[in-house]
């Protein structure tokens, strides 16, 4: 019987017990889903006319505009947060204590403040007049930049110290060591975590509905509250449609993170050392025959003494 480092392998009784728990849990989940579907059916939420609203061209254009607005904010916040993360990470690893402490305080402060409070403070004018889009972009940049800076710092600290010492031994300055040795390896090792945080950035764009930015969630609320069908508001249908859009976007980024991680593992495992071979005999220049010429057997040895 095989055993694991963390736990013992289950025996026959434990395997039967685990199977029973799995079957009972699955039946409970299926029963809950069936009960929810019955309640929705009883309330008339599966009526076809409630889903027909998404066939209107105006509704589809509204959803497309909201999707483009969401992707625009996500693209800007994603790029700015990565650039800001590099700046914060460099300051966090600085040899100058004042710079390092300012970076530490800034990162810990904005990681502790709820993101919605930061976005709302920027929108009401704490830094001057700002449109909802830029308030959302700047808020996402500050928060996610702080998180990404800690991710990069973890990747930098994971680089073996011997490589840094070797780089300094070659005469490289600290800036060159950071740019040429530390950051390339840190980004490569932490790339799945970086992309996972970008998934969080994408989901956090939904906070824009609190400052009246026309992203997906804001558009979903308008559709659900302003298009009643027979006195019934299509809230469930809107949640399902917009939820599916969010899930699809997040799955694409999650697949990208998984693809990058698997590709990185294959590239590391795909390095095959060259096989050792017998050294080849060096051929003198201008000569092609390496066969030694044997001396005649009856040859008399030459006298190396000088003649009188």
Foldseek 3Di string as FASTA:
>chain_A
DDQDPVGGDDDPVVVVVVVVVVVVVVVVVVVVVVVVVVVCVVVVLPDPVLVCVCVDPVLVVLQVVQAVLLVVLLVLLLVLLQVLLVVLLCQCPDPDVVSNVVSVCQLVVLLPDDLLVQLVCVPVQPPHHDDLSVSLSVSSSSNSSSVVNVQLNVLLVPPDVVVVVVCVVVVDDPVCCCVPPRRVRSCLVSVLVSLLSSLVSSVVSLSSLVSPDSHLVVSLVCQQVPDDDPNHGNNVSSCVVSVVVSVVVSVVSNVVSVVSVVVSVCVVVVDDDDDDDDDDDDDDPPDDDPDDDDDDPPDDDDDPDDDD
